[in-house]
Amino acid sequence: MPKQTAAKKEDPEGPLQARARAFSDLYEQATSSPAVRLVIAEKLWEAVNAWAIMKMGLKRKQYLAEGMRDFAILCTLRAMLTGQKIEEVVKGVNFELPLKLTGKRAGFTELLPGLYTTAWEYERVCEIARSAKINVRTSVQFRLNLRGKLERFAEEEKLQPALTRERIEALIKDYHLKTQPSDIATAYVGKRLGTSPANVKKLIGLVRDPARVNDEIFKHLTKRYLPPDLEAMRRELTEGTVPP
């Protein structure tokens, strides 16, 4: 008779069950070990930075450009307020990236440099209008002086877009010696920038009031840089309900 071989002892759990048990044990260690949490804490900011860059995607250049622009605006305003040099101011201003990009309609910080330029142009045209009346007795002569001065002003300052002589003449055709310089300036600047004299007046009033400028900047930056659920996030942090 042939020699009988001993029966092979089988694993009662089987290979798949054994691997599942091993995985479960190791996963429990990975999720509860203090050493693992320490390593995560060390790698957290690196992960956050990588996530932020990937989250910005193809618009990362725009996020950076808008963050740099807003940073420059804040530094400029602080330098104006304190009298410090820009090199000194930048150290005390946080550089941040917006959560939301500016939409099709330009944001306030995007418009602000242009608003100050508009205010400057308005003041210059007021001066030109007043000077055009000096030693003048007739409205016709006043308009001739005004047209010439406005043309020279646009040429010297390289204003773009510049009004043609025909457009200037159409703009000033009804002006007379009693026409206010402020009315002339708002009409001229509005025509050149493609907006109404009333809107120019509104913008001039805004940039003349630092408190209003600060309020507008605060509202704009709050909307773009802070999440709408910020208070809920703060409550979670203070109440300890954020998962570890």
C-alpha atoms as a PDB file:
ATOM      1  CA  MET A   1       0.000   0.000   0.000  1.00  0.00           C
ATOM      2  CA  PRO A   2       1.212   3.536  -0.811  1.00  0.00           C
ATOM      3  CA  LYS A   3       2.413   5.688   2.053  1.00  0.00           C
ATOM      4  CA  GLN A   4      -0.235   8.254   3.116  1.00  0.00           C
ATOM      5  CA  THR A   5       0.870  11.886   3.364  1.00  0.00           C
ATOM      6  CA  ALA A   6      -0.181  14.086   6.255  1.00  0.00           C
ATOM      7  CA  ALA A   7      -3.106  16.446   5.516  1.00  0.00           C
ATOM      8  CA  LYS A   8      -2.086  20.166   5.016  1.00  0.00           C
ATOM      9  CA  LYS A   9      -3.205  22.361   7.908  1.00  0.00           C
ATOM     10  CA  GLU A  10      -5.451  25.144   6.584  1.00  0.00           C
ATOM     11  CA  ASP A  11      -5.668  28.711   7.945  1.00  0.00           C
ATOM     12  CA  PRO A  12      -9.192  28.930   9.430  1.00  0.00           C
ATOM     13  CA  GLU A  13      -9.461  32.619   8.395  1.00  0.00           C
ATOM     14  CA  GLY A  14      -8.011  32.273   4.886  1.00  0.00           C
ATOM     15  CA  PRO A  15      -5.484  34.624   3.227  1.00  0.00           C
ATOM     16  CA  LEU A  16      -7.979  37.416   2.449  1.00  0.00           C
ATOM     17  CA  GLN A  17      -9.323  37.499   5.979  1.00  0.00           C
ATOM     18  CA  ALA A  18      -5.800  37.635   7.378  1.00  0.00           C
ATOM     19  CA  ARG A  19      -4.881  40.560   5.159  1.00  0.00           C
ATOM     20  CA  ALA A  20      -8.079  42.359   6.076  1.00  0.00           C
ATOM     21  CA  ARG A  21      -7.338  41.930   9.785  1.00  0.00           C
ATOM     22  CA  ALA A  22      -3.752  43.147   9.311  1.00  0.00           C
ATOM     23  CA  PHE A  23      -4.944  46.178   7.333  1.00  0.00           C
ATOM     24  CA  SER A  24      -7.533  47.006   9.977  1.00  0.00           C
ATOM     25  CA  ASP A  25      -4.957  46.830  12.776  1.00  0.00           C
ATOM     26  CA  LEU A  26      -2.441  48.992  10.915  1.00  0.00           C
ATOM     27  CA  TYR A  27      -5.087  51.521   9.886  1.00  0.00           C
ATOM     28  CA  GLU A  28      -6.147  51.867  13.517  1.00  0.00           C
ATOM     29  CA  GLN A  29      -2.529  52.639  14.412  1.00  0.00           C
ATOM     30  CA  ALA A  30      -2.198  55.150  11.551  1.00  0.00           C
ATOM     31  CA  THR A  31      -5.301  57.055  12.631  1.00  0.00           C
ATOM     32  CA  SER A  32      -4.654  57.060  16.373  1.00  0.00           C
ATOM     33  CA  SER A  33      -0.885  57.149  16.820  1.00  0.00           C
ATOM     34  CA  PRO A  34       0.490  60.412  18.295  1.00  0.00           C
ATOM     35  CA  ALA A  35       3.567  59.980  16.089  1.00  0.00           C
ATOM     36  CA  VAL A  36       1.390  60.076  12.975  1.00  0.00           C
ATOM     37  CA  ARG A  37      -0.399  63.215  14.173  1.00  0.00           C
ATOM     38  CA  LEU A  38       2.949  64.874  14.810  1.00  0.00           C
ATOM     39  CA  VAL A  39       4.125  64.141  11.265  1.00  0.00           C
ATOM     40  CA  ILE A  40       0.839  65.487   9.837  1.00  0.00           C
ATOM     41  CA  ALA A  41       1.272  68.666  11.840  1.00  0.00           C
ATOM     42  CA  GLU A  42       4.786  69.062  10.435  1.00  0.00           C
ATOM     43  CA  LYS A  43       3.577  68.571   6.853  1.00  0.00           C
ATOM     44  CA  LEU A  44       0.321  70.539   7.182  1.00  0.00           C
ATOM     45  CA  TRP A  45       1.410  73.909   5.780  1.00  0.00           C
ATOM     46  CA  GLU A  46       3.214  72.270   2.893  1.00  0.00           C
ATOM     47  CA  ALA A  47      -0.009  70.438   2.074  1.00  0.00           C
ATOM     48  CA  VAL A  48      -2.100  73.611   2.447  1.00  0.00           C
ATOM     49  CA  ASN A  49       0.200  75.513   0.093  1.00  0.00           C
ATOM     50  CA  ALA A  50       0.088  72.743  -2.501  1.00  0.00           C
ATOM     51  CA  TRP A  51      -3.710  72.516  -2.175  1.00  0.00           C
ATOM     52  CA  ALA A  52      -4.098  76.281  -2.602  1.00  0.00           C
ATOM     53  CA  ILE A  53      -1.985  76.325  -5.758  1.00  0.00           C
ATOM     54  CA  MET A  54      -3.939  73.430  -7.251  1.00  0.00           C
ATOM     55  CA  LYS A  55      -7.249  74.996  -6.183  1.00  0.00           C
ATOM     56  CA  MET A  56      -6.362  78.216  -8.043  1.00  0.00           C
ATOM     57  CA  GLY A  57      -5.686  76.148 -11.139  1.00  0.00           C
ATOM     58  CA  LEU A  58      -5.114  78.053 -14.361  1.00  0.00           C
ATOM     59  CA  LYS A  59      -6.187  81.313 -12.675  1.00  0.00           C
ATOM     60  CA  ARG A  60      -3.273  81.331 -10.233  1.00  0.00           C
ATOM     61  CA  LYS A  61      -1.600  84.227 -12.098  1.00  0.00           C
ATOM     62  CA  GLN A  62      -4.772  86.281 -11.707  1.00  0.00           C
ATOM     63  CA  TYR A  63      -5.018  85.452  -7.987  1.00  0.00           C
ATOM     64  CA  LEU A  64      -1.400  86.561  -7.520  1.00  0.00           C
ATOM     65  CA  ALA A  65      -1.863  89.713  -9.623  1.00  0.00           C
ATOM     66  CA  GLU A  66      -4.959  90.797  -7.677  1.00  0.00           C
ATOM     67  CA  GLY A  67      -3.299  90.023  -4.350  1.00  0.00           C
ATOM     68  CA  MET A  68      -0.272  92.111  -5.343  1.00  0.00           C
ATOM     69  CA  ARG A  69      -2.473  94.970  -6.556  1.00  0.00           C
ATOM     70  CA  ASP A  70      -4.521  95.068  -3.363  1.00  0.00           C
ATOM     71  CA  PHE A  71      -1.351  94.843  -1.274  1.00  0.00           C
ATOM     72  CA  ALA A  72       0.089  97.830  -3.159  1.00  0.00           C
ATOM     73  CA  ILE A  73      -3.128  99.803  -2.596  1.00  0.00           C
ATOM     74  CA  LEU A  74      -3.067  99.125   1.163  1.00  0.00           C
ATOM     75  CA  CYS A  75       0.615 100.041   1.407  1.00  0.00           C
ATOM     76  CA  THR A  76       0.020 103.247  -0.558  1.00  0.00           C
ATOM     77  CA  LEU A  77      -2.859 104.334   1.665  1.00  0.00           C
ATOM     78  CA  ARG A  78      -0.945 103.566   4.853  1.00  0.00           C
ATOM     79  CA  ALA A  79       2.060 105.510   3.584  1.00  0.00           C
ATOM     80  CA  MET A  80      -0.210 108.479   2.810  1.00  0.00           C
ATOM     81  CA  LEU A  81      -1.760 108.265   6.258  1.00  0.00           C
ATOM     82  CA  THR A  82       1.449 107.862   8.254  1.00  0.00           C
ATOM     83  CA  GLY A  83       3.960 109.742   6.121  1.00  0.00           C
ATOM     84  CA  GLN A  84       6.250 106.696   6.127  1.00  0.00           C
ATOM     85  CA  LYS A  85       8.209 105.448   3.149  1.00  0.00           C
ATOM     86  CA  ILE A  86       6.809 102.521   1.211  1.00  0.00           C
ATOM     87  CA  GLU A  87       9.835 100.417   2.205  1.00  0.00           C
ATOM     88  CA  GLU A  88       8.874 100.919   5.863  1.00  0.00           C
ATOM     89  CA  VAL A  89       5.143 100.424   5.411  1.00  0.00           C
ATOM     90  CA  VAL A  90       5.302  97.084   3.603  1.00  0.00           C
ATOM     91  CA  LYS A  91       6.717  95.351   6.679  1.00  0.00           C
ATOM     92  CA  GLY A  92       3.525  96.004   8.632  1.00  0.00           C
ATOM     93  CA  VAL A  93       0.958  95.070   5.960  1.00  0.00           C
ATOM     94  CA  ASN A  94      -0.099  91.456   5.493  1.00  0.00           C
ATOM     95  CA  PHE A  95       0.159  90.027   1.993  1.00  0.00           C
ATOM     96  CA  GLU A  96      -2.792  87.760   1.244  1.00  0.00           C
ATOM     97  CA  LEU A  97      -4.463  86.160  -1.738  1.00  0.00           C
ATOM     98  CA  PRO A  98      -8.191  86.715  -2.341  1.00  0.00           C
ATOM     99  CA  LEU A  99     -10.732  83.942  -2.007  1.00  0.00           C
ATOM    100  CA  LYS A 100     -12.714  85.467  -4.875  1.00  0.00           C
ATOM    101  CA  LEU A 101     -11.427  87.068  -8.035  1.00  0.00           C
ATOM    102  CA  THR A 102     -12.746  90.374  -9.291  1.00  0.00           C
ATOM    103  CA  GLY A 103     -15.696  89.817 -11.621  1.00  0.00           C
ATOM    104  CA  LYS A 104     -16.452  91.476 -14.936  1.00  0.00           C
ATOM    105  CA  ARG A 105     -17.282  94.651 -13.068  1.00  0.00           C
ATOM    106  CA  ALA A 106     -14.058  96.214 -11.789  1.00  0.00           C
ATOM    107  CA  GLY A 107     -13.562  96.091  -8.023  1.00  0.00           C
ATOM    108  CA  PHE A 108     -13.023  99.211  -5.939  1.00  0.00           C
ATOM    109  CA  THR A 109      -9.291  98.666  -5.419  1.00  0.00           C
ATOM    110  CA  GLU A 110      -8.911  98.210  -9.175  1.00  0.00           C
ATOM    111  CA  LEU A 111     -10.649 101.541  -9.758  1.00  0.00           C
ATOM    112  CA  LEU A 112      -8.946 103.465  -6.965  1.00  0.00           C
ATOM    113  CA  PRO A 113      -5.722 104.506  -8.774  1.00  0.00           C
ATOM    114  CA  GLY A 114      -7.843 105.782 -11.632  1.00  0.00           C
ATOM    115  CA  LEU A 115     -10.094 107.663  -9.226  1.00  0.00           C
ATOM    116  CA  TYR A 116      -7.181 109.669  -7.877  1.00  0.00           C
ATOM    117  CA  THR A 117      -6.077 110.396 -11.434  1.00  0.00           C
ATOM    118  CA  THR A 118      -9.616 111.511 -12.248  1.00  0.00           C
ATOM    119  CA  ALA A 119      -9.615 113.834  -9.241  1.00  0.00           C
ATOM    120  CA  TRP A 120      -6.285 115.288 -10.348  1.00  0.00           C
ATOM    121  CA  GLU A 121      -7.595 115.870 -13.880  1.00  0.00           C
ATOM    122  CA  TYR A 122     -10.751 117.492 -12.514  1.00  0.00           C
ATOM    123  CA  GLU A 123      -8.721 119.944 -10.422  1.00  0.00           C
ATOM    124  CA  ARG A 124      -6.499 120.832 -13.380  1.00  0.00           C
ATOM    125  CA  VAL A 125      -9.461 121.522 -15.664  1.00  0.00           C
ATOM    126  CA  CYS A 126     -10.982 123.724 -12.974  1.00  0.00           C
ATOM    127  CA  GLU A 127      -7.755 125.747 -12.949  1.00  0.00           C
ATOM    128  CA  ILE A 128      -7.774 125.924 -16.754  1.00  0.00           C
ATOM    129  CA  ALA A 129     -11.380 127.140 -16.801  1.00  0.00           C
ATOM    130  CA  ARG A 130     -10.603 129.885 -14.289  1.00  0.00           C
ATOM    131  CA  SER A 131      -7.490 130.990 -16.167  1.00  0.00           C
ATOM    132  CA  ALA A 132      -9.411 131.113 -19.474  1.00  0.00           C
ATOM    133  CA  LYS A 133     -11.601 133.895 -18.014  1.00  0.00           C
ATOM    134  CA  ILE A 134      -8.736 136.201 -17.033  1.00  0.00           C
ATOM    135  CA  ASN A 135      -8.883 139.554 -18.875  1.00  0.00           C
ATOM    136  CA  VAL A 136     -11.717 138.287 -21.058  1.00  0.00           C
ATOM    137  CA  ARG A 137     -14.870 140.343 -21.749  1.00  0.00           C
ATOM    138  CA  THR A 138     -16.914 138.124 -24.083  1.00  0.00           C
ATOM    139  CA  SER A 139     -18.131 134.549 -23.991  1.00  0.00           C
ATOM    140  CA  VAL A 140     -16.759 133.971 -27.494  1.00  0.00           C
ATOM    141  CA  GLN A 141     -13.243 134.854 -26.388  1.00  0.00           C
ATOM    142  CA  PHE A 142     -13.638 132.752 -23.269  1.00  0.00           C
ATOM    143  CA  ARG A 143     -14.569 129.698 -25.338  1.00  0.00           C
ATOM    144  CA  LEU A 144     -11.633 130.236 -27.693  1.00  0.00           C
ATOM    145  CA  ASN A 145      -9.240 130.500 -24.741  1.00  0.00           C
ATOM    146  CA  LEU A 146     -10.776 127.459 -23.076  1.00  0.00           C
ATOM    147  CA  ARG A 147     -10.574 125.303 -26.197  1.00  0.00           C
ATOM    148  CA  GLY A 148      -6.913 126.167 -26.756  1.00  0.00           C
ATOM    149  CA  LYS A 149      -5.968 125.541 -23.128  1.00  0.00           C
ATOM    150  CA  LEU A 150      -7.795 122.209 -23.042  1.00  0.00           C
ATOM    151  CA  GLU A 151      -6.045 121.080 -26.226  1.00  0.00           C
ATOM    152  CA  ARG A 152      -2.642 122.026 -24.848  1.00  0.00           C
ATOM    153  CA  PHE A 153      -3.434 120.319 -21.541  1.00  0.00           C
ATOM    154  CA  ALA A 154      -4.338 117.036 -23.275  1.00  0.00           C
ATOM    155  CA  GLU A 155      -1.210 117.214 -25.432  1.00  0.00           C
ATOM    156  CA  GLU A 156       1.171 118.034 -22.582  1.00  0.00           C
ATOM    157  CA  GLU A 157      -0.246 115.336 -20.292  1.00  0.00           C
ATOM    158  CA  LYS A 158      -0.662 112.813 -23.125  1.00  0.00           C
ATOM    159  CA  LEU A 159      -4.255 112.134 -22.094  1.00  0.00           C
ATOM    160  CA  GLN A 160      -5.792 109.036 -23.637  1.00  0.00           C
ATOM    161  CA  PRO A 161      -8.313 109.072 -25.098  1.00  0.00           C
ATOM    162  CA  ALA A 162      -7.968 112.754 -26.024  1.00  0.00           C
ATOM    163  CA  LEU A 163     -10.984 114.735 -27.202  1.00  0.00           C
ATOM    164  CA  THR A 164     -10.846 116.025 -30.750  1.00  0.00           C
ATOM    165  CA  ARG A 165     -11.276 119.739 -31.425  1.00  0.00           C
ATOM    166  CA  GLU A 166     -14.759 119.049 -32.773  1.00  0.00           C
ATOM    167  CA  ARG A 167     -15.806 117.269 -29.576  1.00  0.00           C
ATOM    168  CA  ILE A 168     -14.369 120.035 -27.404  1.00  0.00           C
ATOM    169  CA  GLU A 169     -16.206 122.680 -29.405  1.00  0.00           C
ATOM    170  CA  ALA A 170     -19.464 120.721 -29.140  1.00  0.00           C
ATOM    171  CA  LEU A 171     -18.913 120.408 -25.389  1.00  0.00           C
ATOM    172  CA  ILE A 172     -18.239 124.100 -24.717  1.00  0.00           C
ATOM    173  CA  LYS A 173     -20.509 125.720 -27.337  1.00  0.00           C
ATOM    174  CA  ASP A 174     -22.977 126.986 -24.735  1.00  0.00           C
ATOM    175  CA  TYR A 175     -20.462 128.022 -22.086  1.00  0.00           C
ATOM    176  CA  HIS A 176     -20.341 131.663 -20.993  1.00  0.00           C
ATOM    177  CA  LEU A 177     -18.460 133.779 -18.488  1.00  0.00           C
ATOM    178  CA  LYS A 178     -20.735 132.686 -15.653  1.00  0.00           C
ATOM    179  CA  THR A 179     -20.342 128.965 -16.308  1.00  0.00           C
ATOM    180  CA  GLN A 180     -18.782 127.444 -13.188  1.00  0.00           C
ATOM    181  CA  PRO A 181     -15.301 125.883 -13.487  1.00  0.00           C
ATOM    182  CA  SER A 182     -16.574 122.828 -11.593  1.00  0.00           C
ATOM    183  CA  ASP A 183     -19.314 122.282 -14.198  1.00  0.00           C
ATOM    184  CA  ILE A 184     -16.780 122.626 -17.004  1.00  0.00           C
ATOM    185  CA  ALA A 185     -14.419 120.163 -15.330  1.00  0.00           C
ATOM    186  CA  THR A 186     -17.027 117.480 -14.615  1.00  0.00           C
ATOM    187  CA  ALA A 187     -18.345 117.715 -18.181  1.00  0.00           C
ATOM    188  CA  TYR A 188     -14.874 117.545 -19.749  1.00  0.00           C
ATOM    189  CA  VAL A 189     -13.612 114.656 -17.613  1.00  0.00           C
ATOM    190  CA  GLY A 190     -16.903 112.777 -18.010  1.00  0.00           C
ATOM    191  CA  LYS A 191     -16.844 113.170 -21.795  1.00  0.00           C
ATOM    192  CA  ARG A 192     -13.248 111.979 -21.988  1.00  0.00           C
ATOM    193  CA  LEU A 193     -13.839 108.949 -19.736  1.00  0.00           C
ATOM    194  CA  GLY A 194     -17.243 108.085 -21.172  1.00  0.00           C
ATOM    195  CA  THR A 195     -19.272 108.731 -18.044  1.00  0.00           C
ATOM    196  CA  SER A 196     -21.714 111.368 -16.818  1.00  0.00           C
ATOM    197  CA  PRO A 197     -20.755 114.646 -15.108  1.00  0.00           C
ATOM    198  CA  ALA A 198     -22.871 113.518 -12.143  1.00  0.00           C
ATOM    199  CA  ASN A 199     -20.800 110.350 -11.785  1.00  0.00           C
ATOM    200  CA  VAL A 200     -17.556 112.331 -12.004  1.00  0.00           C
ATOM    201  CA  LYS A 201     -18.838 114.595  -9.224  1.00  0.00           C
ATOM    202  CA  LYS A 202     -19.674 111.545  -7.116  1.00  0.00           C
ATOM    203  CA  LEU A 203     -16.214 110.040  -7.623  1.00  0.00           C
ATOM    204  CA  ILE A 204     -14.493 113.323  -6.775  1.00  0.00           C
ATOM    205  CA  GLY A 205     -16.494 113.545  -3.555  1.00  0.00           C
ATOM    206  CA  LEU A 206     -15.464 110.005  -2.688  1.00  0.00           C
ATOM    207  CA  VAL A 207     -11.707 110.426  -3.095  1.00  0.00           C
ATOM    208  CA  ARG A 208     -11.795 113.709  -1.183  1.00  0.00           C
ATOM    209  CA  ASP A 209     -13.093 111.874   1.890  1.00  0.00           C
ATOM    210  CA  PRO A 210     -10.461 109.440   3.280  1.00  0.00           C
ATOM    211  CA  ALA A 211     -13.013 107.908   5.659  1.00  0.00           C
ATOM    212  CA  ARG A 212     -15.323 106.977   2.767  1.00  0.00           C
ATOM    213  CA  VAL A 213     -12.399 105.551   0.807  1.00  0.00           C
ATOM    214  CA  ASN A 214     -11.438 103.382   3.786  1.00  0.00           C
ATOM    215  CA  ASP A 215     -15.040 102.220   4.211  1.00  0.00           C
ATOM    216  CA  GLU A 216     -15.285 101.234   0.546  1.00  0.00           C
ATOM    217  CA  ILE A 217     -11.969  99.402   0.664  1.00  0.00           C
ATOM    218  CA  PHE A 218     -13.002  97.549   3.829  1.00  0.00           C
ATOM    219  CA  LYS A 219     -16.302  96.419   2.269  1.00  0.00           C
ATOM    220  CA  HIS A 220     -14.601  95.356  -0.941  1.00  0.00           C
ATOM    221  CA  LEU A 221     -11.777  93.422   0.691  1.00  0.00           C
ATOM    222  CA  THR A 222     -14.088  91.792   3.253  1.00  0.00           C
ATOM    223  CA  LYS A 223     -16.247  90.468   0.433  1.00  0.00           C
ATOM    224  CA  ARG A 224     -13.300  89.084  -1.536  1.00  0.00           C
ATOM    225  CA  TYR A 225     -10.882  87.953   1.173  1.00  0.00           C
ATOM    226  CA  LEU A 226     -13.094  86.545   3.938  1.00  0.00           C
ATOM    227  CA  PRO A 227     -15.512  83.593   3.729  1.00  0.00           C
ATOM    228  CA  PRO A 228     -19.218  84.356   4.290  1.00  0.00           C
ATOM    229  CA  ASP A 229     -19.358  81.769   7.091  1.00  0.00           C
ATOM    230  CA  LEU A 230     -16.436  83.289   9.015  1.00  0.00           C
ATOM    231  CA  GLU A 231     -18.418  83.665  12.255  1.00  0.00           C
ATOM    232  CA  ALA A 232     -19.452  80.014  12.171  1.00  0.00           C
ATOM    233  CA  MET A 233     -15.823  79.026  11.660  1.00  0.00           C
ATOM    234  CA  ARG A 234     -14.807  81.136  14.652  1.00  0.00           C
ATOM    235  CA  ARG A 235     -17.474  79.523  16.820  1.00  0.00           C
ATOM    236  CA  GLU A 236     -16.245  76.070  15.854  1.00  0.00           C
ATOM    237  CA  LEU A 237     -12.719  76.974  16.804  1.00  0.00           C
ATOM    238  CA  THR A 238     -13.696  78.490  20.151  1.00  0.00           C
ATOM    239  CA  GLU A 239     -16.124  75.693  21.013  1.00  0.00           C
ATOM    240  CA  GLY A 240     -13.695  72.958  20.075  1.00  0.00           C
ATOM    241  CA  THR A 241     -16.016  71.304  17.548  1.00  0.00           C
ATOM    242  CA  VAL A 242     -13.465  71.178  14.737  1.00  0.00           C
ATOM    243  CA  PRO A 243     -12.314  67.576  14.187  1.00  0.00           C
ATOM    244  CA  PRO A 244      -8.731  66.947  15.375  1.00  0.00           C
END
